[in-house]
Amino acid sequence: MRVFLPDSEATEALGRALAATRPAQAMVHLHGDLGAGKSTLARALLRALGVQGPIRSPTYTLVERYPVPGGEAWHLDLYRIGDAAELDFLGLDEGSACLWLVEWPERGAAALPPPDLVVRLAQHGQGREAVLEAGTEAGQAWVKELSKSDRLQGLSSA
């Protein structure tokens, strides 16, 4: 699924739509260059799930945890890790979070569970393009539900 995001408000709308259609358990890999909108998307998704207060970037802490319906969401930024083995020191247990939002997942390689959804964000003209790819059956159902949703009205498919 491809979506053109003309501005940050559209990126936030995608985050809200993902929150509204997400499965009970989900692993999301967020790809894109610096400034592509990964953190904007993650913040909007978390806010739509009811996270109150500041939503901090995990750039230096590597992981931020937030209570959400159904458990805990983990927002990870792996840009600063040098080796996937460093993830062992974070105490991440696959079953402990109901939602993982992982920026720079390629740096975590095989130490991460497989993604249900891969979101690739890139500059596209004056805006951004988001490409959403399912990685599991749960991810396929998620993308299907998202494509049927009216929550992306006004955003054109790229």
C-alpha atoms as a PDB file:
ATOM      1  CA  MET A   1       0.000   0.000   0.000  1.00  0.00           C
ATOM      2  CA  ARG A   2       1.337   3.422  -0.960  1.00  0.00           C
ATOM      3  CA  VAL A   3       0.149   6.712   0.488  1.00  0.00           C
ATOM      4  CA  PHE A   4       1.276  10.226  -0.393  1.00  0.00           C
ATOM      5  CA  LEU A   5       1.685  12.414   2.697  1.00  0.00           C
ATOM      6  CA  PRO A   6       1.787  16.077   1.637  1.00  0.00           C
ATOM      7  CA  ASP A   7       2.636  17.392   5.119  1.00  0.00           C
ATOM      8  CA  SER A   8       3.203  16.426   8.765  1.00  0.00           C
ATOM      9  CA  GLU A   9      -0.566  16.556   9.426  1.00  0.00           C
ATOM     10  CA  ALA A  10      -1.020  13.799   6.838  1.00  0.00           C
ATOM     11  CA  THR A  11       1.749  11.768   8.488  1.00  0.00           C
ATOM     12  CA  GLU A  12      -0.088  12.170  11.783  1.00  0.00           C
ATOM     13  CA  ALA A  13      -3.357  11.093  10.112  1.00  0.00           C
ATOM     14  CA  LEU A  14      -1.621   7.901   8.960  1.00  0.00           C
ATOM     15  CA  GLY A  15      -0.432   7.308  12.533  1.00  0.00           C
ATOM     16  CA  ARG A  16      -3.982   7.726  13.834  1.00  0.00           C
ATOM     17  CA  ALA A  17      -5.311   5.354  11.173  1.00  0.00           C
ATOM     18  CA  LEU A  18      -2.701   2.754  12.100  1.00  0.00           C
ATOM     19  CA  ALA A  19      -3.683   3.069  15.760  1.00  0.00           C
ATOM     20  CA  ALA A  20      -7.383   2.659  14.977  1.00  0.00           C
ATOM     21  CA  THR A  21      -6.842  -0.494  12.918  1.00  0.00           C
ATOM     22  CA  ARG A  22      -3.920  -2.146  14.732  1.00  0.00           C
ATOM     23  CA  PRO A  23      -4.019  -5.751  15.864  1.00  0.00           C
ATOM     24  CA  ALA A  24      -3.741  -6.623  19.569  1.00  0.00           C
ATOM     25  CA  GLN A  25      -0.034  -7.528  19.143  1.00  0.00           C
ATOM     26  CA  ALA A  26       2.142  -5.819  16.541  1.00  0.00           C
ATOM     27  CA  MET A  27       5.767  -5.361  15.560  1.00  0.00           C
ATOM     28  CA  VAL A  28       6.279  -2.326  13.288  1.00  0.00           C
ATOM     29  CA  HIS A  29       9.562  -1.542  11.559  1.00  0.00           C
ATOM     30  CA  LEU A  30       9.916   2.114  10.551  1.00  0.00           C
ATOM     31  CA  HIS A  31      12.405   2.783   7.752  1.00  0.00           C
ATOM     32  CA  GLY A  32      13.499   6.094   6.319  1.00  0.00           C
ATOM     33  CA  ASP A  33      16.289   8.614   6.251  1.00  0.00           C
ATOM     34  CA  LEU A  34      16.759  11.185   9.006  1.00  0.00           C
ATOM     35  CA  GLY A  35      13.819  13.565   8.874  1.00  0.00           C
ATOM     36  CA  ALA A  36      11.592  11.203   6.874  1.00  0.00           C
ATOM     37  CA  GLY A  37       8.841  11.266   9.505  1.00  0.00           C
ATOM     38  CA  LYS A  38       9.386   8.067  11.495  1.00  0.00           C
ATOM     39  CA  SER A  39       9.125   9.771  14.888  1.00  0.00           C
ATOM     40  CA  THR A  40       6.182  11.932  13.768  1.00  0.00           C
ATOM     41  CA  LEU A  41       4.311   8.799  12.710  1.00  0.00           C
ATOM     42  CA  ALA A  42       5.178   6.950  15.936  1.00  0.00           C
ATOM     43  CA  ARG A  43       4.120   9.897  18.138  1.00  0.00           C
ATOM     44  CA  ALA A  44       0.778  10.248  16.340  1.00  0.00           C
ATOM     45  CA  LEU A  45       0.107   6.526  16.669  1.00  0.00           C
ATOM     46  CA  LEU A  46       0.924   6.545  20.385  1.00  0.00           C
ATOM     47  CA  ARG A  47      -1.121   9.689  21.009  1.00  0.00           C
ATOM     48  CA  ALA A  48      -4.088   8.095  19.201  1.00  0.00           C
ATOM     49  CA  LEU A  49      -3.758   5.094  21.529  1.00  0.00           C
ATOM     50  CA  GLY A  50      -4.248   7.431  24.475  1.00  0.00           C
ATOM     51  CA  VAL A  51      -0.700   8.147  25.612  1.00  0.00           C
ATOM     52  CA  GLN A  52      -0.813  11.283  27.756  1.00  0.00           C
ATOM     53  CA  GLY A  53       2.052  13.618  28.535  1.00  0.00           C
ATOM     54  CA  PRO A  54       5.306  13.925  26.639  1.00  0.00           C
ATOM     55  CA  ILE A  55       6.213  11.344  24.030  1.00  0.00           C
ATOM     56  CA  ARG A  56       9.986  11.474  23.973  1.00  0.00           C
ATOM     57  CA  SER A  57      12.226  10.454  21.145  1.00  0.00           C
ATOM     58  CA  PRO A  58      14.198   7.338  22.046  1.00  0.00           C
ATOM     59  CA  THR A  59      17.251   8.604  20.155  1.00  0.00           C
ATOM     60  CA  TYR A  60      19.475   8.598  23.251  1.00  0.00           C
ATOM     61  CA  THR A  61      17.575   6.263  25.588  1.00  0.00           C
ATOM     62  CA  LEU A  62      17.122   3.677  22.790  1.00  0.00           C
ATOM     63  CA  VAL A  63      13.706   2.665  24.162  1.00  0.00           C
ATOM     64  CA  GLU A  64      10.730   4.526  25.618  1.00  0.00           C
ATOM     65  CA  ARG A  65       7.828   2.611  27.146  1.00  0.00           C
ATOM     66  CA  TYR A  66       4.200   3.785  27.205  1.00  0.00           C
ATOM     67  CA  PRO A  67       1.028   2.284  28.664  1.00  0.00           C
ATOM     68  CA  VAL A  68      -1.569   1.620  25.964  1.00  0.00           C
ATOM     69  CA  PRO A  69      -4.785  -0.367  25.852  1.00  0.00           C
ATOM     70  CA  GLY A  70      -3.858  -4.030  26.014  1.00  0.00           C
ATOM     71  CA  GLY A  71      -0.435  -3.550  27.584  1.00  0.00           C
ATOM     72  CA  GLU A  72       2.667  -1.559  26.867  1.00  0.00           C
ATOM     73  CA  ALA A  73       4.033   0.023  23.693  1.00  0.00           C
ATOM     74  CA  TRP A  74       7.776   0.225  23.129  1.00  0.00           C
ATOM     75  CA  HIS A  75       9.233   2.891  20.861  1.00  0.00           C
ATOM     76  CA  LEU A  76      12.812   2.027  19.923  1.00  0.00           C
ATOM     77  CA  ASP A  77      15.381   4.019  17.976  1.00  0.00           C
ATOM     78  CA  LEU A  78      18.343   1.822  17.062  1.00  0.00           C
ATOM     79  CA  TYR A  79      20.279   4.457  15.111  1.00  0.00           C
ATOM     80  CA  ARG A  80      23.012   4.697  17.762  1.00  0.00           C
ATOM     81  CA  ILE A  81      23.658   1.006  18.347  1.00  0.00           C
ATOM     82  CA  GLY A  82      26.746  -0.482  16.776  1.00  0.00           C
ATOM     83  CA  ASP A  83      25.808  -4.148  16.974  1.00  0.00           C
ATOM     84  CA  ALA A  84      22.547  -6.072  17.346  1.00  0.00           C
ATOM     85  CA  ALA A  85      24.000  -7.794  20.431  1.00  0.00           C
ATOM     86  CA  GLU A  86      23.632  -4.474  22.286  1.00  0.00           C
ATOM     87  CA  LEU A  87      19.877  -5.099  22.358  1.00  0.00           C
ATOM     88  CA  ASP A  88      20.434  -7.846  24.933  1.00  0.00           C
ATOM     89  CA  PHE A  89      21.297  -5.154  27.492  1.00  0.00           C
ATOM     90  CA  LEU A  90      17.942  -3.403  27.043  1.00  0.00           C
ATOM     91  CA  GLY A  91      16.009  -6.268  28.621  1.00  0.00           C
ATOM     92  CA  LEU A  92      13.536  -6.520  25.781  1.00  0.00           C
ATOM     93  CA  ASP A  93      11.358  -9.599  25.963  1.00  0.00           C
ATOM     94  CA  GLU A  94       9.277 -10.250  22.869  1.00  0.00           C
ATOM     95  CA  GLY A  95       6.138 -11.037  24.873  1.00  0.00           C
ATOM     96  CA  SER A  96       6.321  -8.013  27.180  1.00  0.00           C
ATOM     97  CA  ALA A  97       4.976  -5.379  24.787  1.00  0.00           C
ATOM     98  CA  CYS A  98       1.783  -5.413  22.765  1.00  0.00           C
ATOM     99  CA  LEU A  99       3.206  -2.879  20.296  1.00  0.00           C
ATOM    100  CA  TRP A 100       6.768  -2.346  19.096  1.00  0.00           C
ATOM    101  CA  LEU A 101       7.607   0.715  16.998  1.00  0.00           C
ATOM    102  CA  VAL A 102      11.197   0.300  15.840  1.00  0.00           C
ATOM    103  CA  GLU A 103      13.104   3.037  14.040  1.00  0.00           C
ATOM    104  CA  TRP A 104      16.273   1.943  12.221  1.00  0.00           C
ATOM    105  CA  PRO A 105      15.385  -1.774  12.616  1.00  0.00           C
ATOM    106  CA  GLU A 106      18.108  -2.817  10.187  1.00  0.00           C
ATOM    107  CA  ARG A 107      20.616  -2.077  12.969  1.00  0.00           C
ATOM    108  CA  GLY A 108      18.885  -4.626  15.204  1.00  0.00           C
ATOM    109  CA  ALA A 109      18.942  -7.281  12.483  1.00  0.00           C
ATOM    110  CA  ALA A 110      18.148 -10.801  13.678  1.00  0.00           C
ATOM    111  CA  ALA A 111      17.838  -9.730  17.328  1.00  0.00           C
ATOM    112  CA  LEU A 112      14.351  -8.360  16.623  1.00  0.00           C
ATOM    113  CA  PRO A 113      11.175 -10.354  16.096  1.00  0.00           C
ATOM    114  CA  PRO A 114       9.931 -10.355  12.503  1.00  0.00           C
ATOM    115  CA  PRO A 115       7.787  -7.339  11.615  1.00  0.00           C
ATOM    116  CA  ASP A 116       4.048  -7.556  11.160  1.00  0.00           C
ATOM    117  CA  LEU A 117       4.227  -4.270   9.298  1.00  0.00           C
ATOM    118  CA  VAL A 118       7.072  -2.472   7.555  1.00  0.00           C
ATOM    119  CA  VAL A 119       6.584   1.241   6.927  1.00  0.00           C
ATOM    120  CA  ARG A 120       9.014   2.901   4.536  1.00  0.00           C
ATOM    121  CA  LEU A 121       8.950   6.689   4.560  1.00  0.00           C
ATOM    122  CA  ALA A 122      10.748   8.785   1.968  1.00  0.00           C
ATOM    123  CA  GLN A 123      10.740  12.331   0.683  1.00  0.00           C
ATOM    124  CA  HIS A 124       8.499  12.574  -2.375  1.00  0.00           C
ATOM    125  CA  GLY A 125       8.272  15.948  -4.091  1.00  0.00           C
ATOM    126  CA  GLN A 126       7.071  18.487  -1.529  1.00  0.00           C
ATOM    127  CA  GLY A 127       5.863  15.763   0.836  1.00  0.00           C
ATOM    128  CA  ARG A 128       6.526  12.157   1.722  1.00  0.00           C
ATOM    129  CA  GLU A 129       5.542   8.767   0.463  1.00  0.00           C
ATOM    130  CA  ALA A 130       4.682   5.967   2.860  1.00  0.00           C
ATOM    131  CA  VAL A 131       4.906   2.399   1.634  1.00  0.00           C
ATOM    132  CA  LEU A 132       3.297  -0.145   3.958  1.00  0.00           C
ATOM    133  CA  GLU A 133       4.206  -3.799   3.554  1.00  0.00           C
ATOM    134  CA  ALA A 134       2.824  -6.696   5.551  1.00  0.00           C
ATOM    135  CA  GLY A 135       5.369  -9.137   6.960  1.00  0.00           C
ATOM    136  CA  THR A 136       2.986 -11.612   8.610  1.00  0.00           C
ATOM    137  CA  GLU A 137      -0.619 -12.756   8.369  1.00  0.00           C
ATOM    138  CA  ALA A 138      -1.488 -10.279  11.126  1.00  0.00           C
ATOM    139  CA  GLY A 139       0.214  -7.581   9.073  1.00  0.00           C
ATOM    140  CA  GLN A 140      -1.738  -8.571   5.958  1.00  0.00           C
ATOM    141  CA  ALA A 141      -5.000  -8.278   7.909  1.00  0.00           C
ATOM    142  CA  TRP A 142      -3.844  -4.894   9.261  1.00  0.00           C
ATOM    143  CA  VAL A 143      -3.053  -3.482   5.811  1.00  0.00           C
ATOM    144  CA  LYS A 144      -6.352  -4.831   4.475  1.00  0.00           C
ATOM    145  CA  GLU A 145      -8.264  -3.199   7.344  1.00  0.00           C
ATOM    146  CA  LEU A 146      -6.361   0.052   6.815  1.00  0.00           C
ATOM    147  CA  SER A 147      -7.109   0.062   3.081  1.00  0.00           C
ATOM    148  CA  LYS A 148     -10.846  -0.351   3.824  1.00  0.00           C
ATOM    149  CA  SER A 149     -10.787   2.370   6.463  1.00  0.00           C
ATOM    150  CA  ASP A 150     -12.146   5.819   5.713  1.00  0.00           C
ATOM    151  CA  ARG A 151      -9.486   7.257   8.043  1.00  0.00           C
ATOM    152  CA  LEU A 152      -7.146   7.901   5.132  1.00  0.00           C
ATOM    153  CA  GLN A 153      -9.685   9.876   3.121  1.00  0.00           C
ATOM    154  CA  GLY A 154      -8.096  12.933   1.636  1.00  0.00           C
ATOM    155  CA  LEU A 155      -4.700  11.242   1.333  1.00  0.00           C
ATOM    156  CA  SER A 156      -3.983  10.101  -2.175  1.00  0.00           C
ATOM    157  CA  SER A 157      -2.392   6.795  -3.049  1.00  0.00           C
ATOM    158  CA  ALA A 158       0.996   7.461  -4.564  1.00  0.00           C
END
